[in-house]
Each structure stands twice: as C-alpha cells, then as structure tokens.
PDB file of N, CA and C in Angstrom:
ATOM      1  N   UNK A   1       0.845  -1.181   0.000  1.00  0.00           N
ATOM      2  CA  UNK A   1       0.000   0.000   0.000  1.00  0.00           C
ATOM      3  C   UNK A   1       0.886   1.239   0.000  1.00  0.00           C
ATOM      4  N   UNK A   2       0.348   2.311  -0.544  1.00  0.00           N
ATOM      5  CA  UNK A   2       1.112   3.547  -0.684  1.00  0.00           C
ATOM      6  C   UNK A   2       0.484   4.691   0.099  1.00  0.00           C
ATOM      7  N   UNK A   3       1.342   5.620   0.464  1.00  0.00           N
ATOM      8  CA  UNK A   3       0.936   6.917   1.004  1.00  0.00           C
ATOM      9  C   UNK A   3       1.321   7.927  -0.072  1.00  0.00           C
ATOM     10  N   UNK A   4       0.421   8.793  -0.454  1.00  0.00           N
ATOM     11  CA  UNK A   4       0.720   9.808  -1.459  1.00  0.00           C
ATOM     12  C   UNK A   4       1.205  11.086  -0.789  1.00  0.00           C
ATOM     13  N   UNK A   5       2.194  11.709  -1.417  1.00  0.00           N
ATOM     14  CA  UNK A   5       2.687  12.990  -0.923  1.00  0.00           C
ATOM     15  C   UNK A   5       1.597  14.045  -1.130  1.00  0.00           C
ATOM     16  N   UNK A   6       1.276  14.803  -0.085  1.00  0.00           N
ATOM     17  CA  UNK A   6       0.231  15.818  -0.228  1.00  0.00           C
ATOM     18  C   UNK A   6       0.657  17.047  -1.029  1.00  0.00           C
ATOM     19  N   UNK A   7       1.933  17.162  -1.371  1.00  0.00           N
ATOM     20  CA  UNK A   7       2.387  18.283  -2.210  1.00  0.00           C
ATOM     21  C   UNK A   7       2.490  17.908  -3.677  1.00  0.00           C
ATOM     22  N   UNK A   8       3.081  16.731  -3.969  1.00  0.00           N
ATOM     23  CA  UNK A   8       3.316  16.389  -5.372  1.00  0.00           C
ATOM     24  C   UNK A   8       2.521  15.174  -5.845  1.00  0.00           C
ATOM     25  N   UNK A   9       1.926  14.417  -4.919  1.00  0.00           N
ATOM     26  CA  UNK A   9       1.147  13.247  -5.288  1.00  0.00           C
ATOM     27  C   UNK A   9       1.969  11.995  -5.522  1.00  0.00           C
ATOM     28  N   UNK A  10       3.281  12.053  -5.295  1.00  0.00           N
ATOM     29  CA  UNK A  10       4.156  10.898  -5.495  1.00  0.00           C
ATOM     30  C   UNK A  10       3.780   9.780  -4.515  1.00  0.00           C
ATOM     31  N   UNK A  11       3.646   8.529  -5.018  1.00  0.00           N
ATOM     32  CA  UNK A  11       3.332   7.429  -4.105  1.00  0.00           C
ATOM     33  C   UNK A  11       4.575   6.957  -3.356  1.00  0.00           C
ATOM     34  N   UNK A  12       4.404   6.689  -2.061  1.00  0.00           N
ATOM     35  CA  UNK A  12       5.474   6.159  -1.221  1.00  0.00           C
ATOM     36  C   UNK A  12       4.959   4.892  -0.561  1.00  0.00           C
ATOM     37  N   UNK A  13       5.710   3.802  -0.702  1.00  0.00           N
ATOM     38  CA  UNK A  13       5.339   2.551  -0.062  1.00  0.00           C
ATOM     39  C   UNK A  13       5.319   2.742   1.453  1.00  0.00           C
ATOM     40  N   UNK A  14       4.276   2.223   2.098  1.00  0.00           N
ATOM     41  CA  UNK A  14       4.119   2.402   3.544  1.00  0.00           C
ATOM     42  C   UNK A  14       5.339   1.876   4.306  1.00  0.00           C
ATOM     43  N   UNK A  15       5.933   0.776   3.840  1.00  0.00           N
ATOM     44  CA  UNK A  15       7.128   0.242   4.495  1.00  0.00           C
ATOM     45  C   UNK A  15       8.306   1.190   4.406  1.00  0.00           C
ATOM     46  N   UNK A  16       8.459   1.854   3.276  1.00  0.00           N
ATOM     47  CA  UNK A  16       9.537   2.835   3.128  1.00  0.00           C
ATOM     48  C   UNK A  16       9.335   4.014   4.064  1.00  0.00           C
ATOM     49  N   UNK A  17       8.101   4.454   4.167  1.00  0.00           N
ATOM     50  CA  UNK A  17       7.813   5.586   5.056  1.00  0.00           C
ATOM     51  C   UNK A  17       8.117   5.209   6.500  1.00  0.00           C
ATOM     52  N   UNK A  18       7.704   4.019   6.908  1.00  0.00           N
ATOM     53  CA  UNK A  18       7.869   3.606   8.299  1.00  0.00           C
ATOM     54  C   UNK A  18       9.299   3.231   8.659  1.00  0.00           C
ATOM     55  N   UNK A  19      10.037   2.623   7.722  1.00  0.00           N
ATOM     56  CA  UNK A  19      11.331   2.038   8.091  1.00  0.00           C
ATOM     57  C   UNK A  19      12.550   2.694   7.461  1.00  0.00           C
ATOM     58  N   UNK A  20      12.377   3.441   6.384  1.00  0.00           N
ATOM     59  CA  UNK A  20      13.541   4.013   5.721  1.00  0.00           C
ATOM     60  C   UNK A  20      13.635   5.527   5.858  1.00  0.00           C
ATOM     61  N   UNK A  21      12.530   6.198   6.072  1.00  0.00           N
ATOM     62  CA  UNK A  21      12.561   7.652   6.241  1.00  0.00           C
ATOM     63  C   UNK A  21      12.952   7.994   7.671  1.00  0.00           C
ATOM     64  N   UNK A  22      13.674   9.086   7.812  1.00  0.00           N
ATOM     65  CA  UNK A  22      13.986   9.566   9.147  1.00  0.00           C
ATOM     66  C   UNK A  22      12.706  10.149   9.756  1.00  0.00           C
ATOM     67  N   UNK A  23      12.665  10.299  11.073  1.00  0.00           N
ATOM     68  CA  UNK A  23      11.482  10.913  11.683  1.00  0.00           C
ATOM     69  C   UNK A  23      11.180  12.306  11.114  1.00  0.00           C
ATOM     70  N   UNK A  24      12.213  13.064  10.800  1.00  0.00           N
ATOM     71  CA  UNK A  24      11.998  14.400  10.224  1.00  0.00           C
ATOM     72  C   UNK A  24      11.377  14.298   8.833  1.00  0.00           C
ATOM     73  N   UNK A  25      11.850  13.343   8.018  1.00  0.00           N
ATOM     74  CA  UNK A  25      11.275  13.149   6.684  1.00  0.00           C
ATOM     75  C   UNK A  25       9.825  12.693   6.775  1.00  0.00           C
ATOM     76  N   UNK A  26       9.529  11.790   7.715  1.00  0.00           N
ATOM     77  CA  UNK A  26       8.148  11.343   7.919  1.00  0.00           C
ATOM     78  C   UNK A  26       7.252  12.518   8.295  1.00  0.00           C
ATOM     79  N   UNK A  27       7.730  13.331   9.212  1.00  0.00           N
ATOM     80  CA  UNK A  27       6.934  14.480   9.661  1.00  0.00           C
ATOM     81  C   UNK A  27       6.666  15.434   8.499  1.00  0.00           C
ATOM     82  N   UNK A  28       7.691  15.707   7.692  1.00  0.00           N
ATOM     83  CA  UNK A  28       7.516  16.590   6.539  1.00  0.00           C
ATOM     84  C   UNK A  28       6.467  16.037   5.580  1.00  0.00           C
ATOM     85  N   UNK A  29       6.548  14.738   5.295  1.00  0.00           N
ATOM     86  CA  UNK A  29       5.602  14.109   4.380  1.00  0.00           C
ATOM     87  C   UNK A  29       4.181  14.166   4.946  1.00  0.00           C
ATOM     88  N   UNK A  30       4.033  13.806   6.205  1.00  0.00           N
ATOM     89  CA  UNK A  30       2.702  13.669   6.792  1.00  0.00           C
ATOM     90  C   UNK A  30       2.059  14.990   7.178  1.00  0.00           C
ATOM     91  N   UNK A  31       2.843  16.047   7.297  1.00  0.00           N
ATOM     92  CA  UNK A  31       2.263  17.349   7.635  1.00  0.00           C
ATOM     93  C   UNK A  31       2.105  18.259   6.431  1.00  0.00           C
ATOM     94  N   UNK A  32       2.424  17.716   5.242  1.00  0.00           N
ATOM     95  CA  UNK A  32       2.183  18.478   4.030  1.00  0.00           C
ATOM     96  C   UNK A  32       3.339  19.303   3.516  1.00  0.00           C
ATOM     97  N   UNK A  33       4.505  19.203   4.148  1.00  0.00           N
ATOM     98  CA  UNK A  33       5.668  19.950   3.644  1.00  0.00           C
ATOM     99  C   UNK A  33       6.227  19.345   2.373  1.00  0.00           C
ATOM    100  N   UNK A  34       6.059  18.048   2.190  1.00  0.00           N
ATOM    101  CA  UNK A  34       6.531  17.398   0.978  1.00  0.00           C
ATOM    102  C   UNK A  34       7.441  16.231   1.253  1.00  0.00           C
ATOM    103  N   UNK A  35       7.757  15.508   0.184  1.00  0.00           N
ATOM    104  CA  UNK A  35       8.504  14.265   0.322  1.00  0.00           C
ATOM    105  C   UNK A  35      10.003  14.414   0.066  1.00  0.00           C
ATOM    106  N   UNK A  36      10.425  15.498  -0.482  1.00  0.00           N
ATOM    107  CA  UNK A  36      11.851  15.697  -0.743  1.00  0.00           C
ATOM    108  C   UNK A  36      12.141  17.177  -0.844  1.00  0.00           C
ATOM    109  N   UNK A  37      13.389  17.508  -0.864  1.00  0.00           N
ATOM    110  CA  UNK A  37      13.774  18.923  -0.983  1.00  0.00           C
ATOM    111  C   UNK A  37      13.220  19.514  -2.275  1.00  0.00           C
ATOM    112  N   UNK A  38      13.323  18.767  -3.381  1.00  0.00           N
ATOM    113  CA  UNK A  38      12.814  19.249  -4.665  1.00  0.00           C
ATOM    114  C   UNK A  38      11.299  19.455  -4.602  1.00  0.00           C
ATOM    115  N   UNK A  39      10.608  18.538  -3.976  1.00  0.00           N
ATOM    116  CA  UNK A  39       9.154  18.644  -3.850  1.00  0.00           C
ATOM    117  C   UNK A  39       8.786  19.887  -3.043  1.00  0.00           C
ATOM    118  N   UNK A  40       9.519  20.152  -1.979  1.00  0.00           N
ATOM    119  CA  UNK A  40       9.192  21.292  -1.103  1.00  0.00           C
ATOM    120  C   UNK A  40       9.496  22.637  -1.749  1.00  0.00           C
ATOM    121  N   UNK A  41      10.355  22.657  -2.761  1.00  0.00           N
ATOM    122  CA  UNK A  41      10.689  23.933  -3.394  1.00  0.00           C
ATOM    123  C   UNK A  41       9.839  24.216  -4.623  1.00  0.00           C
ATOM    124  N   UNK A  42       9.075  23.232  -5.065  1.00  0.00           N
ATOM    125  CA  UNK A  42       8.194  23.453  -6.214  1.00  0.00           C
ATOM    126  C   UNK A  42       6.781  23.750  -5.715  1.00  0.00           C
ATOM    127  N   UNK A  43       5.956  24.372  -6.544  1.00  0.00           N
ATOM    128  CA  UNK A  43       4.594  24.661  -6.107  1.00  0.00           C
ATOM    129  C   UNK A  43       3.809  23.379  -5.876  1.00  0.00           C
ATOM    130  N   UNK A  44       2.855  23.391  -4.944  1.00  0.00           N
ATOM    131  CA  UNK A  44       2.047  22.195  -4.700  1.00  0.00           C
ATOM    132  C   UNK A  44       1.291  21.766  -5.958  1.00  0.00           C
ATOM    133  N   UNK A  45       1.164  20.478  -6.119  1.00  0.00           N
ATOM    134  CA  UNK A  45       0.449  19.920  -7.263  1.00  0.00           C
ATOM    135  C   UNK A  45      -1.054  20.039  -7.053  1.00  0.00           C
ATOM    136  N   UNK A  46      -1.785  20.160  -8.138  1.00  0.00           N
ATOM    137  CA  UNK A  46      -3.235  20.144  -8.022  1.00  0.00           C
ATOM    138  C   UNK A  46      -3.789  18.800  -8.506  1.00  0.00           C
ATOM    139  N   UNK A  47      -2.918  17.770  -8.448  1.00  0.00           N
ATOM    140  CA  UNK A  47      -3.339  16.443  -8.891  1.00  0.00           C
ATOM    141  C   UNK A  47      -4.372  15.853  -7.944  1.00  0.00           C
ATOM    142  N   UNK A  48      -5.118  14.901  -8.455  1.00  0.00           N
ATOM    143  CA  UNK A  48      -6.146  14.229  -7.656  1.00  0.00           C
ATOM    144  C   UNK A  48      -5.506  13.511  -6.473  1.00  0.00           C
ATOM    145  N   UNK A  49      -4.358  12.844  -6.705  1.00  0.00           N
ATOM    146  CA  UNK A  49      -3.697  12.114  -5.624  1.00  0.00           C
ATOM    147  C   UNK A  49      -3.247  13.043  -4.505  1.00  0.00           C
ATOM    148  N   UNK A  50      -2.680  14.183  -4.856  1.00  0.00           N
ATOM    149  CA  UNK A  50      -2.235  15.128  -3.829  1.00  0.00           C
ATOM    150  C   UNK A  50      -3.432  15.641  -3.037  1.00  0.00           C
ATOM    151  N   UNK A  51      -4.533  15.918  -3.712  1.00  0.00           N
ATOM    152  CA  UNK A  51      -5.740  16.396  -3.025  1.00  0.00           C
ATOM    153  C   UNK A  51      -6.287  15.343  -2.071  1.00  0.00           C
ATOM    154  N   UNK A  52      -6.293  14.097  -2.514  1.00  0.00           N
ATOM    155  CA  UNK A  52      -6.745  13.010  -1.657  1.00  0.00           C
ATOM    156  C   UNK A  52      -5.849  12.895  -0.433  1.00  0.00           C
ATOM    157  N   UNK A  53      -4.546  12.976  -0.655  1.00  0.00           N
ATOM    158  CA  UNK A  53      -3.585  12.835   0.439  1.00  0.00           C
ATOM    159  C   UNK A  53      -3.783  13.899   1.507  1.00  0.00           C
ATOM    160  N   UNK A  54      -4.050  15.116   1.103  1.00  0.00           N
ATOM    161  CA  UNK A  54      -4.258  16.197   2.069  1.00  0.00           C
ATOM    162  C   UNK A  54      -5.404  15.847   3.012  1.00  0.00           C
ATOM    163  N   UNK A  55      -6.534  15.451   2.461  1.00  0.00           N
ATOM    164  CA  UNK A  55      -7.699  15.135   3.278  1.00  0.00           C
ATOM    165  C   UNK A  55      -7.513  13.899   4.137  1.00  0.00           C
ATOM    166  N   UNK A  56      -6.949  12.858   3.547  1.00  0.00           N
ATOM    167  CA  UNK A  56      -6.766  11.610   4.287  1.00  0.00           C
ATOM    168  C   UNK A  56      -5.772  11.793   5.429  1.00  0.00           C
ATOM    169  N   UNK A  57      -4.646  12.439   5.166  1.00  0.00           N
ATOM    170  CA  UNK A  57      -3.650  12.630   6.219  1.00  0.00           C
ATOM    171  C   UNK A  57      -4.181  13.525   7.332  1.00  0.00           C
ATOM    172  N   UNK A  58      -5.002  14.509   6.986  1.00  0.00           N
ATOM    173  CA  UNK A  58      -5.587  15.374   8.009  1.00  0.00           C
ATOM    174  C   UNK A  58      -6.545  14.593   8.904  1.00  0.00           C
ATOM    175  N   UNK A  59      -7.274  13.658   8.317  1.00  0.00           N
ATOM    176  CA  UNK A  59      -8.250  12.919   9.116  1.00  0.00           C
ATOM    177  C   UNK A  59      -7.640  11.739   9.866  1.00  0.00           C
ATOM    178  N   UNK A  60      -6.549  11.168   9.358  1.00  0.00           N
ATOM    179  CA  UNK A  60      -5.959   9.977   9.986  1.00  0.00           C
ATOM    180  C   UNK A  60      -4.855  10.298  10.986  1.00  0.00           C
ATOM    181  N   UNK A  61      -4.286  11.466  10.910  1.00  0.00           N
ATOM    182  CA  UNK A  61      -3.217  11.821  11.842  1.00  0.00           C
ATOM    183  C   UNK A  61      -2.036  10.875  11.744  1.00  0.00           C
ATOM    184  N   UNK A  62      -1.669  10.239  12.858  1.00  0.00           N
ATOM    185  CA  UNK A  62      -0.498   9.365  12.911  1.00  0.00           C
ATOM    186  C   UNK A  62      -0.780   7.931  12.472  1.00  0.00           C
ATOM    187  N   UNK A  63      -2.002   7.615  12.109  1.00  0.00           N
ATOM    188  CA  UNK A  63      -2.366   6.258  11.694  1.00  0.00           C
ATOM    189  C   UNK A  63      -1.971   6.029  10.237  1.00  0.00           C
ATOM    190  N   UNK A  64      -0.709   5.644  10.018  1.00  0.00           N
ATOM    191  CA  UNK A  64      -0.200   5.458   8.659  1.00  0.00           C
ATOM    192  C   UNK A  64      -0.888   4.316   7.935  1.00  0.00           C
ATOM    193  N   UNK A  65      -1.153   3.221   8.629  1.00  0.00           N
ATOM    194  CA  UNK A  65      -1.816   2.087   7.987  1.00  0.00           C
ATOM    195  C   UNK A  65      -3.230   2.464   7.548  1.00  0.00           C
ATOM    196  N   UNK A  66      -3.935   3.179   8.406  1.00  0.00           N
ATOM    197  CA  UNK A  66      -5.277   3.639   8.052  1.00  0.00           C
ATOM    198  C   UNK A  66      -5.264   4.606   6.881  1.00  0.00           C
ATOM    199  N   UNK A  67      -4.282   5.498   6.883  1.00  0.00           N
ATOM    200  CA  UNK A  67      -4.159   6.470   5.784  1.00  0.00           C
ATOM    201  C   UNK A  67      -3.868   5.750   4.476  1.00  0.00           C
ATOM    202  N   UNK A  68      -2.964   4.774   4.509  1.00  0.00           N
ATOM    203  CA  UNK A  68      -2.625   4.029   3.289  1.00  0.00           C
ATOM    204  C   UNK A  68      -3.845   3.256   2.779  1.00  0.00           C
ATOM    205  N   UNK A  69      -4.610   2.671   3.681  1.00  0.00           N
ATOM    206  CA  UNK A  69      -5.802   1.918   3.275  1.00  0.00           C
ATOM    207  C   UNK A  69      -6.834   2.836   2.636  1.00  0.00           C
ATOM    208  N   UNK A  70      -7.047   4.009   3.229  1.00  0.00           N
ATOM    209  CA  UNK A  70      -7.989   4.957   2.641  1.00  0.00           C
ATOM    210  C   UNK A  70      -7.516   5.456   1.285  1.00  0.00           C
ATOM    211  N   UNK A  71      -6.225   5.746   1.169  1.00  0.00           N
ATOM    212  CA  UNK A  71      -5.702   6.217  -0.115  1.00  0.00           C
ATOM    213  C   UNK A  71      -5.841   5.145  -1.177  1.00  0.00           C
ATOM    214  N   UNK A  72      -5.671   3.883  -0.798  1.00  0.00           N
ATOM    215  CA  UNK A  72      -5.846   2.785  -1.747  1.00  0.00           C
ATOM    216  C   UNK A  72      -7.303   2.713  -2.209  1.00  0.00           C
ATOM    217  N   UNK A  73      -8.246   2.924  -1.292  1.00  0.00           N
ATOM    218  CA  UNK A  73      -9.675   2.916  -1.643  1.00  0.00           C
ATOM    219  C   UNK A  73     -10.002   4.032  -2.630  1.00  0.00           C
ATOM    220  N   UNK A  74      -9.424   5.215  -2.410  1.00  0.00           N
ATOM    221  CA  UNK A  74      -9.697   6.345  -3.305  1.00  0.00           C
ATOM    222  C   UNK A  74      -9.049   6.171  -4.667  1.00  0.00           C
ATOM    223  N   UNK A  75      -7.900   5.491  -4.700  1.00  0.00           N
ATOM    224  CA  UNK A  75      -7.178   5.325  -5.960  1.00  0.00           C
ATOM    225  C   UNK A  75      -7.880   4.373  -6.904  1.00  0.00           C
ATOM    226  N   UNK A  76      -8.666   3.497  -6.365  1.00  0.00           N
ATOM    227  CA  UNK A  76      -9.345   2.500  -7.206  1.00  0.00           C
ATOM    228  C   UNK A  76     -10.458   3.109  -8.029  1.00  0.00           C
TER     229      UNK A  76
END
C-alpha cells in the first residue's frame, strides 16, 4: 500500500515511510511539507492524488496504515 505525498502526489510505499525515512522526513511528508527537498521547493500539485492525500492525512493523523488503506480505496 502507498501513502501519497500531499504536495506532489508521489506514491510512497508504507514500508519505506515507516522504516527508511527519518522521523523528520516522515513528519515533513505527513504534515504536508513534501517528500523531498525538490518537492518542497516546487509549487504544490493540483493532482487528484495530492488532493486526496491532504484530506486523508488530516483525518488519519499518525495512523499510517489507516491512511494508506484509505488512499488505496480512493485510488481504485
């Protein structure tokens, strides 16, 4: 399952987010700052995935598994 970046809409595997990202990178991704330095310096995307991610992450908070499951439901 994937978590979408709320700035650019890039999909991130939930395992990568949980085990490979630093806590600071996770916080940036989950609070809407973006998934990378390049993502944070470009304007936010108006893609459907980015829009979905904003709403799902706001409603799920720290529940990454729940957020990934909801994003998967919306992507279908």
